[in-house]
Amino acid sequence: LMLLFEEIERRFSCHITYSVIQQQPLEKLDGIEPVKGKVIDEIWRIRHRYPLQEKYALSVERMSFHLGERVALIGANGSGKSTLLRLLLGVERPLYGKVKRTGEKCYVPAHPALAPVLDEPTATFSEQKQQLMERLSWKEVACYFDEPTAGLTNRQRSAFIQNMLDHPDQLIVFATHDPDLIFYATRVVYLVQGEIAFDGPTSTFIEQSRLYEWN
């Protein structure tokens, strides 16, 4: 990655500024297991693709999200995680299919540049991301996050996980590559090239997964 940055700087006569946060495996916390409540969001026969793309970015027959669930959306970059979040939030409308949404929601995007104006626009990515997390009220019935722990320190990651555990009655959906965060989900949705490869309890995913290892 560093070599790529150097090549970009050389070719385009520019300067790239970046910050690095060292993240280590977190100590596992005990949390209240939430009880699944009423349906908040539901989708049917979704087929969605972007302009000039032949393949659907997301293809899902039916999926529902309930109060009390902590849902981890996982998969490689481009697998459809962010697309699913945007459709659930109503930021985008599906090319085909239907999305039913209820209740107030909060949303934190993967990059602070996609959020409302921050207090310090010249701050680093990590500082801006922490600003977004500190603004959360956790009062909405549902909270959606795209890579919520990216750029956070270990202490900040632990604080975010504890906040999730402190709100067991809400619907919390997050797209992530952070294995520590996946551990605290009650449900895992694993997307592969826009389709669902797994949708079920986290305990089952951890037991069967060859992608992740937990001690």
N, C-alpha and C. Protein backbone atom coordinates (compact mmCIF):
# COMPACT_ATOMS: atom_id res chain seq x y z
N LEU A 1 0.83 -1.20 0.00
CA LEU A 1 0.00 0.00 0.00
C LEU A 1 0.87 1.26 0.00
N MET A 2 1.94 1.24 0.79
CA MET A 2 2.83 2.41 0.82
C MET A 2 3.47 2.65 -0.55
N LEU A 3 3.86 1.57 -1.21
CA LEU A 3 4.45 1.69 -2.55
C LEU A 3 3.45 2.27 -3.54
N LEU A 4 2.19 1.89 -3.39
CA LEU A 4 1.14 2.43 -4.26
C LEU A 4 0.99 3.92 -4.03
N PHE A 5 0.99 4.35 -2.78
CA PHE A 5 0.91 5.79 -2.48
C PHE A 5 2.07 6.54 -3.12
N GLU A 6 3.26 5.98 -2.99
CA GLU A 6 4.44 6.63 -3.55
C GLU A 6 4.32 6.77 -5.07
N GLU A 7 3.80 5.73 -5.72
CA GLU A 7 3.65 5.77 -7.17
C GLU A 7 2.61 6.81 -7.59
N ILE A 8 1.52 6.91 -6.84
CA ILE A 8 0.50 7.92 -7.14
C ILE A 8 1.07 9.32 -6.98
N GLU A 9 1.83 9.53 -5.91
CA GLU A 9 2.45 10.84 -5.70
C GLU A 9 3.40 11.20 -6.83
N ARG A 10 4.16 10.20 -7.28
CA ARG A 10 5.12 10.47 -8.36
C ARG A 10 4.42 10.78 -9.67
N ARG A 11 3.41 10.00 -10.01
CA ARG A 11 2.75 10.17 -11.31
C ARG A 11 1.93 11.45 -11.38
N PHE A 12 1.29 11.83 -10.28
CA PHE A 12 0.36 12.95 -10.33
C PHE A 12 0.88 14.18 -9.59
N SER A 13 2.15 14.14 -9.18
CA SER A 13 2.77 15.29 -8.51
C SER A 13 1.90 15.81 -7.36
N CYS A 14 1.48 14.89 -6.51
CA CYS A 14 0.64 15.25 -5.39
C CYS A 14 1.24 14.69 -4.10
N HIS A 15 0.61 15.02 -2.99
CA HIS A 15 1.07 14.51 -1.69
C HIS A 15 -0.10 13.86 -0.97
N ILE A 16 0.07 12.61 -0.56
CA ILE A 16 -0.98 11.87 0.13
C ILE A 16 -0.69 11.86 1.62
N THR A 17 -1.68 12.27 2.40
CA THR A 17 -1.57 12.25 3.86
C THR A 17 -2.45 11.13 4.40
N TYR A 18 -1.92 10.34 5.30
CA TYR A 18 -2.69 9.23 5.86
C TYR A 18 -2.30 9.05 7.32
N SER A 19 -3.16 8.36 8.06
CA SER A 19 -2.88 8.04 9.45
C SER A 19 -3.09 6.54 9.64
N VAL A 20 -2.38 5.98 10.60
CA VAL A 20 -2.46 4.54 10.88
C VAL A 20 -2.84 4.34 12.33
N ILE A 21 -3.84 3.53 12.57
CA ILE A 21 -4.25 3.17 13.93
C ILE A 21 -3.99 1.68 14.14
N GLN A 22 -3.18 1.34 15.11
CA GLN A 22 -2.89 -0.05 15.42
C GLN A 22 -4.05 -0.63 16.24
N GLN A 23 -4.70 -1.66 15.70
CA GLN A 23 -5.81 -2.30 16.41
C GLN A 23 -5.43 -3.73 16.77
N GLN A 24 -5.66 -4.10 18.02
CA GLN A 24 -5.36 -5.42 18.52
C GLN A 24 -6.66 -6.14 18.88
N PRO A 25 -6.63 -7.48 18.97
CA PRO A 25 -7.83 -8.20 19.42
C PRO A 25 -8.27 -7.69 20.79
N LEU A 26 -9.58 -7.51 20.95
CA LEU A 26 -10.12 -6.96 22.19
C LEU A 26 -10.54 -8.08 23.13
N GLU A 27 -10.50 -7.79 24.41
CA GLU A 27 -10.99 -8.73 25.42
C GLU A 27 -12.49 -8.86 25.26
N LYS A 28 -12.99 -10.08 25.26
CA LYS A 28 -14.41 -10.32 25.05
C LYS A 28 -15.21 -9.85 26.26
N LEU A 29 -16.29 -9.12 25.99
CA LEU A 29 -17.17 -8.60 27.03
C LEU A 29 -18.42 -9.45 27.13
N ASP A 30 -19.00 -9.50 28.31
CA ASP A 30 -20.27 -10.18 28.50
C ASP A 30 -21.40 -9.21 28.22
N GLY A 31 -22.41 -9.67 27.49
CA GLY A 31 -23.52 -8.77 27.17
C GLY A 31 -24.85 -9.47 27.31
N ILE A 32 -25.92 -8.67 27.42
CA ILE A 32 -27.26 -9.21 27.51
C ILE A 32 -27.69 -9.69 26.13
N GLU A 33 -28.18 -10.91 26.07
CA GLU A 33 -28.65 -11.45 24.80
C GLU A 33 -30.04 -10.87 24.51
N PRO A 34 -30.19 -10.07 23.46
CA PRO A 34 -31.48 -9.43 23.21
C PRO A 34 -32.53 -10.42 22.72
N VAL A 35 -33.78 -10.04 22.90
CA VAL A 35 -34.91 -10.84 22.43
C VAL A 35 -35.42 -10.22 21.13
N LYS A 36 -35.61 -11.06 20.12
CA LYS A 36 -36.06 -10.55 18.83
C LYS A 36 -37.47 -9.99 18.94
N GLY A 37 -37.64 -8.75 18.47
CA GLY A 37 -38.94 -8.09 18.54
C GLY A 37 -39.57 -7.93 17.17
N LYS A 38 -40.37 -6.88 17.01
CA LYS A 38 -41.13 -6.69 15.78
C LYS A 38 -40.21 -6.31 14.62
N VAL A 39 -40.71 -6.52 13.42
CA VAL A 39 -39.96 -6.21 12.20
C VAL A 39 -39.90 -4.70 12.02
N ILE A 40 -38.68 -4.20 11.77
CA ILE A 40 -38.47 -2.78 11.52
C ILE A 40 -38.29 -2.51 10.03
N ASP A 41 -37.45 -3.31 9.38
CA ASP A 41 -37.21 -3.16 7.94
C ASP A 41 -37.34 -4.52 7.26
N GLU A 42 -37.86 -4.51 6.05
CA GLU A 42 -38.03 -5.76 5.30
C GLU A 42 -37.87 -5.48 3.81
N ILE A 43 -37.25 -6.42 3.10
CA ILE A 43 -37.07 -6.27 1.66
C ILE A 43 -37.56 -7.52 0.95
N TRP A 44 -38.08 -7.34 -0.27
CA TRP A 44 -38.59 -8.43 -1.08
C TRP A 44 -38.05 -8.34 -2.50
N ARG A 45 -37.57 -9.43 -3.01
CA ARG A 45 -37.19 -9.59 -4.42
C ARG A 45 -36.35 -8.41 -4.93
N ILE A 46 -35.34 -8.07 -4.18
CA ILE A 46 -34.48 -6.95 -4.54
C ILE A 46 -33.50 -7.33 -5.64
N ARG A 47 -33.48 -6.53 -6.69
CA ARG A 47 -32.46 -6.64 -7.74
C ARG A 47 -31.97 -5.21 -7.99
N HIS A 48 -30.74 -4.95 -7.67
CA HIS A 48 -30.25 -3.58 -7.79
C HIS A 48 -28.86 -3.56 -8.41
N ARG A 49 -28.68 -2.70 -9.38
CA ARG A 49 -27.36 -2.52 -9.98
C ARG A 49 -27.16 -1.05 -10.31
N TYR A 50 -25.91 -0.70 -10.53
CA TYR A 50 -25.55 0.69 -10.78
C TYR A 50 -25.37 0.92 -12.28
N PRO A 51 -25.44 2.17 -12.72
CA PRO A 51 -25.30 2.47 -14.15
C PRO A 51 -24.02 1.87 -14.74
N LEU A 52 -24.14 1.35 -15.96
CA LEU A 52 -23.04 0.78 -16.73
C LEU A 52 -22.53 -0.54 -16.16
N GLN A 53 -23.23 -1.11 -15.17
CA GLN A 53 -22.86 -2.42 -14.64
C GLN A 53 -23.82 -3.48 -15.16
N GLU A 54 -23.26 -4.61 -15.62
CA GLU A 54 -24.09 -5.69 -16.11
C GLU A 54 -24.61 -6.57 -14.97
N LYS A 55 -23.79 -6.79 -13.95
CA LYS A 55 -24.16 -7.67 -12.85
C LYS A 55 -24.84 -6.88 -11.74
N TYR A 56 -25.83 -7.51 -11.12
CA TYR A 56 -26.50 -6.87 -10.00
C TYR A 56 -25.54 -6.70 -8.83
N ALA A 57 -25.57 -5.52 -8.22
CA ALA A 57 -24.77 -5.28 -7.02
C ALA A 57 -25.39 -5.97 -5.81
N LEU A 58 -26.71 -6.20 -5.88
CA LEU A 58 -27.41 -6.89 -4.80
C LEU A 58 -28.60 -7.65 -5.37
N SER A 59 -28.72 -8.91 -4.97
CA SER A 59 -29.83 -9.75 -5.42
C SER A 59 -30.30 -10.58 -4.23
N VAL A 60 -31.44 -10.18 -3.64
CA VAL A 60 -31.95 -10.81 -2.42
C VAL A 60 -33.44 -11.07 -2.58
N GLU A 61 -33.88 -12.29 -2.27
CA GLU A 61 -35.30 -12.63 -2.39
C GLU A 61 -36.12 -12.00 -1.27
N ARG A 62 -35.70 -12.25 -0.01
CA ARG A 62 -36.45 -11.68 1.11
C ARG A 62 -35.55 -11.64 2.35
N MET A 63 -35.69 -10.58 3.10
CA MET A 63 -34.90 -10.44 4.32
C MET A 63 -35.61 -9.45 5.24
N SER A 64 -35.64 -9.76 6.53
CA SER A 64 -36.27 -8.87 7.50
C SER A 64 -35.32 -8.62 8.66
N PHE A 65 -35.48 -7.44 9.28
CA PHE A 65 -34.63 -7.03 10.40
C PHE A 65 -35.53 -6.63 11.56
N HIS A 66 -35.22 -7.15 12.75
CA HIS A 66 -36.10 -7.02 13.91
C HIS A 66 -35.46 -6.20 15.03
N LEU A 67 -36.31 -5.59 15.85
CA LEU A 67 -35.84 -4.98 17.08
C LEU A 67 -35.11 -6.03 17.93
N GLY A 68 -34.03 -5.63 18.56
CA GLY A 68 -33.29 -6.55 19.42
C GLY A 68 -32.19 -7.31 18.71
N GLU A 69 -32.10 -7.16 17.39
CA GLU A 69 -31.03 -7.84 16.65
C GLU A 69 -29.81 -6.94 16.51
N ARG A 70 -28.64 -7.56 16.58
CA ARG A 70 -27.39 -6.91 16.18
C ARG A 70 -26.88 -7.70 14.99
N VAL A 71 -27.00 -7.09 13.81
CA VAL A 71 -26.74 -7.80 12.56
C VAL A 71 -25.42 -7.35 11.96
N ALA A 72 -24.50 -8.28 11.76
CA ALA A 72 -23.22 -7.98 11.12
C ALA A 72 -23.31 -8.33 9.65
N LEU A 73 -23.09 -7.35 8.78
CA LEU A 73 -23.01 -7.58 7.34
C LEU A 73 -21.54 -7.74 6.99
N ILE A 74 -21.15 -8.89 6.49
CA ILE A 74 -19.75 -9.13 6.19
C ILE A 74 -19.60 -9.61 4.75
N GLY A 75 -18.38 -9.52 4.27
CA GLY A 75 -18.07 -9.92 2.89
C GLY A 75 -16.95 -9.06 2.35
N ALA A 76 -16.42 -9.46 1.22
CA ALA A 76 -15.33 -8.71 0.60
C ALA A 76 -15.81 -7.35 0.11
N ASN A 77 -14.89 -6.46 -0.17
CA ASN A 77 -15.24 -5.17 -0.76
C ASN A 77 -15.99 -5.41 -2.06
N GLY A 78 -17.09 -4.69 -2.24
CA GLY A 78 -17.89 -4.86 -3.45
C GLY A 78 -18.89 -6.01 -3.37
N SER A 79 -19.06 -6.61 -2.21
CA SER A 79 -19.98 -7.75 -2.08
C SER A 79 -21.43 -7.32 -1.92
N GLY A 80 -21.68 -6.03 -1.66
CA GLY A 80 -23.05 -5.55 -1.54
C GLY A 80 -23.44 -5.04 -0.17
N LYS A 81 -22.50 -4.98 0.77
CA LYS A 81 -22.82 -4.56 2.14
C LYS A 81 -23.34 -3.12 2.18
N SER A 82 -22.58 -2.19 1.61
CA SER A 82 -22.97 -0.78 1.63
C SER A 82 -24.24 -0.55 0.81
N THR A 83 -24.40 -1.29 -0.28
CA THR A 83 -25.61 -1.17 -1.09
C THR A 83 -26.83 -1.56 -0.28
N LEU A 84 -26.73 -2.66 0.46
CA LEU A 84 -27.83 -3.10 1.31
C LEU A 84 -28.17 -2.04 2.36
N LEU A 85 -27.15 -1.45 2.98
CA LEU A 85 -27.39 -0.40 3.97
C LEU A 85 -28.12 0.78 3.35
N ARG A 86 -27.68 1.22 2.17
CA ARG A 86 -28.30 2.38 1.53
C ARG A 86 -29.75 2.11 1.15
N LEU A 87 -30.05 0.89 0.73
CA LEU A 87 -31.43 0.55 0.38
C LEU A 87 -32.31 0.52 1.64
N LEU A 88 -31.78 -0.02 2.73
CA LEU A 88 -32.54 -0.07 3.97
C LEU A 88 -32.81 1.32 4.51
N LEU A 89 -31.87 2.22 4.31
CA LEU A 89 -32.02 3.59 4.81
C LEU A 89 -32.86 4.47 3.88
N GLY A 90 -33.08 4.01 2.66
CA GLY A 90 -33.82 4.81 1.70
C GLY A 90 -32.98 5.82 0.95
N VAL A 91 -31.66 5.74 1.11
CA VAL A 91 -30.76 6.64 0.38
C VAL A 91 -30.84 6.34 -1.11
N GLU A 92 -31.03 5.06 -1.44
CA GLU A 92 -31.22 4.65 -2.83
C GLU A 92 -32.49 3.84 -2.95
N ARG A 93 -33.09 3.86 -4.14
CA ARG A 93 -34.26 3.04 -4.42
C ARG A 93 -33.84 1.87 -5.28
N PRO A 94 -34.35 0.68 -5.00
CA PRO A 94 -33.93 -0.50 -5.78
C PRO A 94 -34.43 -0.44 -7.21
N LEU A 95 -33.65 -1.01 -8.10
CA LEU A 95 -34.07 -1.09 -9.49
C LEU A 95 -35.33 -1.95 -9.60
N TYR A 96 -35.35 -3.08 -8.90
CA TYR A 96 -36.52 -3.95 -8.82
C TYR A 96 -36.71 -4.36 -7.37
N GLY A 97 -37.94 -4.59 -6.97
CA GLY A 97 -38.21 -5.05 -5.63
C GLY A 97 -38.80 -3.97 -4.73
N LYS A 98 -38.98 -4.33 -3.47
CA LYS A 98 -39.66 -3.47 -2.52
C LYS A 98 -38.92 -3.44 -1.19
N VAL A 99 -38.87 -2.27 -0.57
CA VAL A 99 -38.28 -2.11 0.75
C VAL A 99 -39.31 -1.45 1.65
N LYS A 100 -39.59 -2.07 2.79
CA LYS A 100 -40.52 -1.51 3.77
C LYS A 100 -39.72 -1.06 4.99
N ARG A 101 -39.86 0.22 5.37
CA ARG A 101 -39.10 0.78 6.48
C ARG A 101 -40.06 1.39 7.50
N THR A 102 -39.70 1.25 8.79
CA THR A 102 -40.47 1.87 9.86
C THR A 102 -39.53 2.43 10.92
N GLY A 103 -39.97 3.45 11.62
CA GLY A 103 -39.21 3.97 12.75
C GLY A 103 -38.08 4.91 12.36
N GLU A 104 -37.62 5.67 13.36
CA GLU A 104 -36.50 6.58 13.15
C GLU A 104 -35.18 5.83 13.21
N LYS A 105 -34.22 6.31 12.41
CA LYS A 105 -32.94 5.61 12.30
C LYS A 105 -31.78 6.60 12.37
N CYS A 106 -30.65 6.11 12.86
CA CYS A 106 -29.42 6.88 12.77
C CYS A 106 -28.47 6.13 11.85
N TYR A 107 -27.53 6.84 11.26
CA TYR A 107 -26.61 6.23 10.30
C TYR A 107 -25.24 6.89 10.42
N VAL A 108 -24.20 6.07 10.45
CA VAL A 108 -22.83 6.55 10.43
C VAL A 108 -22.14 5.92 9.21
N PRO A 109 -21.72 6.74 8.23
CA PRO A 109 -21.09 6.19 7.02
C PRO A 109 -19.68 5.72 7.29
N ALA A 110 -19.11 5.01 6.32
CA ALA A 110 -17.75 4.50 6.46
C ALA A 110 -16.74 5.62 6.53
N HIS A 111 -16.96 6.68 5.76
CA HIS A 111 -16.02 7.79 5.73
C HIS A 111 -16.68 9.06 6.21
N PRO A 112 -16.04 9.81 7.12
CA PRO A 112 -16.64 11.04 7.64
C PRO A 112 -16.99 12.06 6.57
N ALA A 113 -16.33 12.01 5.41
CA ALA A 113 -16.62 12.96 4.34
C ALA A 113 -18.06 12.82 3.84
N LEU A 114 -18.68 11.66 4.08
CA LEU A 114 -20.04 11.42 3.64
C LEU A 114 -21.06 11.86 4.67
N ALA A 115 -20.58 12.34 5.83
CA ALA A 115 -21.46 12.75 6.93
C ALA A 115 -21.66 14.26 6.89
N PRO A 116 -22.56 14.78 7.75
CA PRO A 116 -22.72 16.24 7.85
C PRO A 116 -21.42 16.91 8.23
N VAL A 117 -21.35 18.23 8.07
CA VAL A 117 -20.14 18.99 8.32
C VAL A 117 -19.66 18.77 9.75
N LEU A 118 -18.38 18.51 9.89
CA LEU A 118 -17.79 18.26 11.19
C LEU A 118 -17.23 19.55 11.78
N ASP A 119 -16.97 19.50 13.10
CA ASP A 119 -16.44 20.68 13.78
C ASP A 119 -15.06 21.06 13.28
N GLU A 120 -14.24 20.04 12.97
CA GLU A 120 -12.87 20.28 12.52
C GLU A 120 -12.63 19.52 11.21
N PRO A 121 -12.97 20.14 10.09
CA PRO A 121 -12.83 19.45 8.79
C PRO A 121 -11.39 19.09 8.44
N THR A 122 -10.41 19.76 9.09
CA THR A 122 -9.00 19.47 8.79
C THR A 122 -8.44 18.38 9.68
N ALA A 123 -9.25 17.81 10.57
CA ALA A 123 -8.79 16.74 11.44
C ALA A 123 -8.51 15.48 10.64
N THR A 124 -7.79 14.54 11.24
CA THR A 124 -7.49 13.28 10.57
C THR A 124 -8.75 12.44 10.44
N PHE A 125 -8.66 11.41 9.63
CA PHE A 125 -9.79 10.48 9.46
C PHE A 125 -10.23 9.92 10.80
N SER A 126 -9.26 9.48 11.62
CA SER A 126 -9.58 8.88 12.92
C SER A 126 -10.27 9.89 13.83
N GLU A 127 -9.80 11.13 13.85
CA GLU A 127 -10.40 12.16 14.69
C GLU A 127 -11.82 12.48 14.23
N GLN A 128 -12.01 12.54 12.91
CA GLN A 128 -13.34 12.82 12.38
C GLN A 128 -14.30 11.67 12.68
N LYS A 129 -13.80 10.44 12.57
CA LYS A 129 -14.65 9.29 12.84
C LYS A 129 -15.09 9.28 14.30
N GLN A 130 -14.18 9.62 15.20
CA GLN A 130 -14.53 9.68 16.61
C GLN A 130 -15.55 10.76 16.88
N GLN A 131 -15.46 11.89 16.17
CA GLN A 131 -16.46 12.95 16.31
C GLN A 131 -17.85 12.42 15.97
N LEU A 132 -17.94 11.66 14.88
CA LEU A 132 -19.23 11.10 14.48
C LEU A 132 -19.77 10.16 15.54
N MET A 133 -18.91 9.31 16.10
CA MET A 133 -19.35 8.34 17.09
C MET A 133 -19.81 9.04 18.38
N GLU A 134 -19.14 10.13 18.74
CA GLU A 134 -19.51 10.86 19.95
C GLU A 134 -20.84 11.57 19.82
N ARG A 135 -21.26 11.83 18.60
CA ARG A 135 -22.53 12.54 18.38
C ARG A 135 -23.74 11.61 18.46
N LEU A 136 -23.52 10.33 18.53
CA LEU A 136 -24.63 9.38 18.54
C LEU A 136 -25.45 9.54 19.82
N SER A 137 -26.77 9.56 19.66
CA SER A 137 -27.65 9.64 20.82
C SER A 137 -28.16 8.26 21.24
N TRP A 138 -28.15 7.30 20.31
CA TRP A 138 -28.66 5.95 20.55
C TRP A 138 -30.13 5.98 20.98
N LYS A 139 -30.90 6.97 20.53
CA LYS A 139 -32.30 7.07 20.90
C LYS A 139 -33.23 6.53 19.81
N GLU A 140 -32.71 6.36 18.60
CA GLU A 140 -33.55 5.88 17.50
C GLU A 140 -33.84 4.38 17.67
N VAL A 141 -34.88 3.92 17.01
CA VAL A 141 -35.24 2.50 17.13
C VAL A 141 -34.23 1.63 16.40
N ALA A 142 -33.53 2.19 15.40
CA ALA A 142 -32.56 1.43 14.63
C ALA A 142 -31.34 2.28 14.34
N CYS A 143 -30.17 1.64 14.39
CA CYS A 143 -28.91 2.32 14.07
C CYS A 143 -28.17 1.52 13.03
N TYR A 144 -27.70 2.21 11.99
CA TYR A 144 -26.99 1.56 10.90
C TYR A 144 -25.58 2.15 10.81
N PHE A 145 -24.61 1.26 10.64
CA PHE A 145 -23.21 1.68 10.61
C PHE A 145 -22.49 1.01 9.45
N ASP A 146 -21.64 1.78 8.78
CA ASP A 146 -20.78 1.24 7.73
C ASP A 146 -19.34 1.34 8.23
N GLU A 147 -18.72 0.23 8.55
CA GLU A 147 -17.36 0.18 9.11
C GLU A 147 -17.23 1.10 10.34
N PRO A 148 -18.02 0.85 11.39
CA PRO A 148 -18.03 1.76 12.53
C PRO A 148 -16.73 1.84 13.30
N THR A 149 -15.93 0.76 13.34
CA THR A 149 -14.71 0.78 14.14
C THR A 149 -13.47 1.12 13.33
N ALA A 150 -13.60 1.36 12.03
CA ALA A 150 -12.45 1.73 11.21
C ALA A 150 -11.90 3.07 11.68
N GLY A 151 -10.60 3.11 11.97
CA GLY A 151 -9.97 4.33 12.40
C GLY A 151 -10.05 4.60 13.90
N LEU A 152 -10.72 3.73 14.65
CA LEU A 152 -10.84 3.93 16.10
C LEU A 152 -9.72 3.21 16.84
N THR A 153 -9.37 3.74 18.00
CA THR A 153 -8.40 3.08 18.86
C THR A 153 -9.06 1.88 19.55
N ASN A 154 -8.26 1.05 20.19
CA ASN A 154 -8.81 -0.11 20.90
C ASN A 154 -9.80 0.34 21.98
N ARG A 155 -9.50 1.41 22.68
CA ARG A 155 -10.39 1.91 23.72
C ARG A 155 -11.71 2.38 23.11
N GLN A 156 -11.63 3.06 21.97
CA GLN A 156 -12.84 3.55 21.32
C GLN A 156 -13.66 2.40 20.74
N ARG A 157 -12.98 1.38 20.23
CA ARG A 157 -13.70 0.20 19.73
C ARG A 157 -14.45 -0.49 20.87
N SER A 158 -13.80 -0.63 22.01
CA SER A 158 -14.44 -1.25 23.17
C SER A 158 -15.65 -0.44 23.62
N ALA A 159 -15.53 0.90 23.58
CA ALA A 159 -16.64 1.77 23.98
C ALA A 159 -17.82 1.59 23.03
N PHE A 160 -17.55 1.45 21.74
CA PHE A 160 -18.63 1.26 20.78
C PHE A 160 -19.34 -0.07 21.03
N ILE A 161 -18.58 -1.12 21.27
CA ILE A 161 -19.17 -2.42 21.55
C ILE A 161 -20.03 -2.36 22.81
N GLN A 162 -19.53 -1.69 23.85
CA GLN A 162 -20.30 -1.58 25.08
C GLN A 162 -21.59 -0.81 24.85
N ASN A 163 -21.55 0.22 24.02
CA ASN A 163 -22.77 0.97 23.69
C ASN A 163 -23.80 0.06 23.01
N MET A 164 -23.34 -0.80 22.12
CA MET A 164 -24.26 -1.74 21.48
C MET A 164 -24.91 -2.65 22.52
N LEU A 165 -24.08 -3.18 23.44
CA LEU A 165 -24.60 -4.09 24.45
C LEU A 165 -25.54 -3.39 25.42
N ASP A 166 -25.36 -2.08 25.59
CA ASP A 166 -26.21 -1.31 26.50
C ASP A 166 -27.57 -0.97 25.89
N HIS A 167 -27.78 -1.30 24.62
CA HIS A 167 -29.05 -1.00 23.94
C HIS A 167 -29.60 -2.27 23.29
N PRO A 168 -29.96 -3.25 24.12
CA PRO A 168 -30.39 -4.55 23.58
C PRO A 168 -31.74 -4.54 22.90
N ASP A 169 -32.53 -3.48 23.08
CA ASP A 169 -33.88 -3.45 22.50
C ASP A 169 -33.93 -2.79 21.13
N GLN A 170 -32.80 -2.25 20.67
CA GLN A 170 -32.77 -1.59 19.37
C GLN A 170 -32.37 -2.58 18.28
N LEU A 171 -32.63 -2.18 17.05
CA LEU A 171 -32.06 -2.88 15.89
C LEU A 171 -30.76 -2.20 15.54
N ILE A 172 -29.67 -2.96 15.50
CA ILE A 172 -28.36 -2.43 15.16
C ILE A 172 -27.80 -3.25 14.00
N VAL A 173 -27.53 -2.59 12.89
CA VAL A 173 -27.01 -3.25 11.69
C VAL A 173 -25.69 -2.59 11.32
N PHE A 174 -24.65 -3.38 11.11
CA PHE A 174 -23.36 -2.79 10.78
C PHE A 174 -22.61 -3.64 9.76
N ALA A 175 -22.05 -2.96 8.76
CA ALA A 175 -21.16 -3.60 7.80
C ALA A 175 -19.74 -3.48 8.35
N THR A 176 -18.99 -4.58 8.37
CA THR A 176 -17.69 -4.52 9.02
C THR A 176 -16.74 -5.60 8.52
N HIS A 177 -15.43 -5.32 8.70
CA HIS A 177 -14.38 -6.31 8.51
C HIS A 177 -13.70 -6.62 9.84
N ASP A 178 -14.20 -6.04 10.93
CA ASP A 178 -13.60 -6.18 12.25
C ASP A 178 -14.11 -7.46 12.91
N PRO A 179 -13.25 -8.49 13.09
CA PRO A 179 -13.71 -9.75 13.67
C PRO A 179 -14.20 -9.61 15.11
N ASP A 180 -13.64 -8.66 15.86
CA ASP A 180 -14.11 -8.46 17.23
C ASP A 180 -15.55 -7.98 17.24
N LEU A 181 -15.90 -7.16 16.27
CA LEU A 181 -17.26 -6.64 16.19
C LEU A 181 -18.24 -7.75 15.79
N ILE A 182 -17.81 -8.62 14.89
CA ILE A 182 -18.67 -9.73 14.46
C ILE A 182 -19.04 -10.61 15.65
N PHE A 183 -18.10 -10.79 16.57
CA PHE A 183 -18.32 -11.64 17.74
C PHE A 183 -19.53 -11.18 18.55
N TYR A 184 -19.82 -9.87 18.57
CA TYR A 184 -20.90 -9.33 19.38
C TYR A 184 -22.21 -9.19 18.62
N ALA A 185 -22.24 -9.62 17.38
CA ALA A 185 -23.50 -9.64 16.64
C ALA A 185 -24.32 -10.84 17.10
N THR A 186 -25.64 -10.74 16.98
CA THR A 186 -26.49 -11.88 17.24
C THR A 186 -26.81 -12.63 15.95
N ARG A 187 -26.55 -11.95 14.82
CA ARG A 187 -26.86 -12.53 13.51
C ARG A 187 -25.81 -12.08 12.51
N VAL A 188 -25.42 -12.97 11.62
CA VAL A 188 -24.44 -12.64 10.59
C VAL A 188 -25.07 -12.83 9.21
N VAL A 189 -24.92 -11.83 8.36
CA VAL A 189 -25.31 -11.93 6.95
C VAL A 189 -24.03 -11.83 6.14
N TYR A 190 -23.67 -12.93 5.48
CA TYR A 190 -22.43 -13.00 4.71
C TYR A 190 -22.78 -12.87 3.23
N LEU A 191 -22.30 -11.78 2.60
CA LEU A 191 -22.61 -11.50 1.20
C LEU A 191 -21.43 -11.85 0.30
N VAL A 192 -21.72 -12.46 -0.83
CA VAL A 192 -20.70 -12.79 -1.83
C VAL A 192 -21.22 -12.35 -3.19
N GLN A 193 -20.57 -11.36 -3.78
CA GLN A 193 -20.94 -10.83 -5.08
C GLN A 193 -22.43 -10.51 -5.18
N GLY A 194 -22.92 -9.84 -4.13
CA GLY A 194 -24.29 -9.37 -4.14
C GLY A 194 -25.35 -10.37 -3.73
N GLU A 195 -24.96 -11.59 -3.39
CA GLU A 195 -25.92 -12.61 -2.99
C GLU A 195 -25.61 -13.10 -1.58
N ILE A 196 -26.63 -13.63 -0.90
CA ILE A 196 -26.46 -14.09 0.47
C ILE A 196 -25.89 -15.50 0.49
N ALA A 197 -24.70 -15.64 1.07
CA ALA A 197 -24.08 -16.95 1.23
C ALA A 197 -24.41 -17.56 2.58
N PHE A 198 -24.69 -16.70 3.57
CA PHE A 198 -25.08 -17.19 4.90
C PHE A 198 -25.91 -16.11 5.57
N ASP A 199 -26.97 -16.52 6.26
CA ASP A 199 -27.79 -15.62 7.06
C ASP A 199 -28.31 -16.42 8.24
N GLY A 200 -27.72 -16.20 9.41
CA GLY A 200 -28.12 -16.98 10.56
C GLY A 200 -27.45 -16.52 11.84
N PRO A 201 -27.62 -17.29 12.92
CA PRO A 201 -27.05 -16.92 14.21
C PRO A 201 -25.53 -16.82 14.16
N THR A 202 -24.99 -15.86 14.92
CA THR A 202 -23.55 -15.68 14.96
C THR A 202 -22.85 -16.92 15.47
N SER A 203 -23.45 -17.59 16.46
CA SER A 203 -22.83 -18.80 17.02
C SER A 203 -22.63 -19.86 15.96
N THR A 204 -23.60 -20.01 15.06
CA THR A 204 -23.47 -20.98 13.97
C THR A 204 -22.38 -20.56 12.99
N PHE A 205 -22.34 -19.27 12.68
CA PHE A 205 -21.32 -18.78 11.75
C PHE A 205 -19.92 -18.98 12.31
N ILE A 206 -19.73 -18.65 13.59
CA ILE A 206 -18.41 -18.82 14.20
C ILE A 206 -17.98 -20.28 14.20
N GLU A 207 -18.93 -21.16 14.44
CA GLU A 207 -18.63 -22.59 14.48
C GLU A 207 -18.24 -23.13 13.11
N GLN A 208 -18.88 -22.63 12.07
CA GLN A 208 -18.69 -23.18 10.73
C GLN A 208 -17.70 -22.39 9.86
N SER A 209 -17.40 -21.17 10.26
CA SER A 209 -16.62 -20.28 9.40
C SER A 209 -15.17 -20.71 9.28
N ARG A 210 -14.65 -20.61 8.08
CA ARG A 210 -13.22 -20.79 7.83
C ARG A 210 -12.55 -19.46 7.51
N LEU A 211 -13.35 -18.38 7.53
CA LEU A 211 -12.82 -17.04 7.24
C LEU A 211 -12.21 -16.41 8.46
N TYR A 212 -12.82 -16.69 9.63
CA TYR A 212 -12.40 -16.04 10.86
C TYR A 212 -12.08 -17.09 11.91
N GLU A 213 -11.21 -16.70 12.83
CA GLU A 213 -10.88 -17.57 13.95
C GLU A 213 -10.97 -16.77 15.24
N TRP A 214 -11.66 -17.31 16.22
CA TRP A 214 -11.78 -16.67 17.53
C TRP A 214 -11.20 -17.61 18.58
N ASN A 215 -10.41 -17.05 19.47
CA ASN A 215 -9.85 -17.84 20.57
C ASN A 215 -10.85 -17.88 21.73
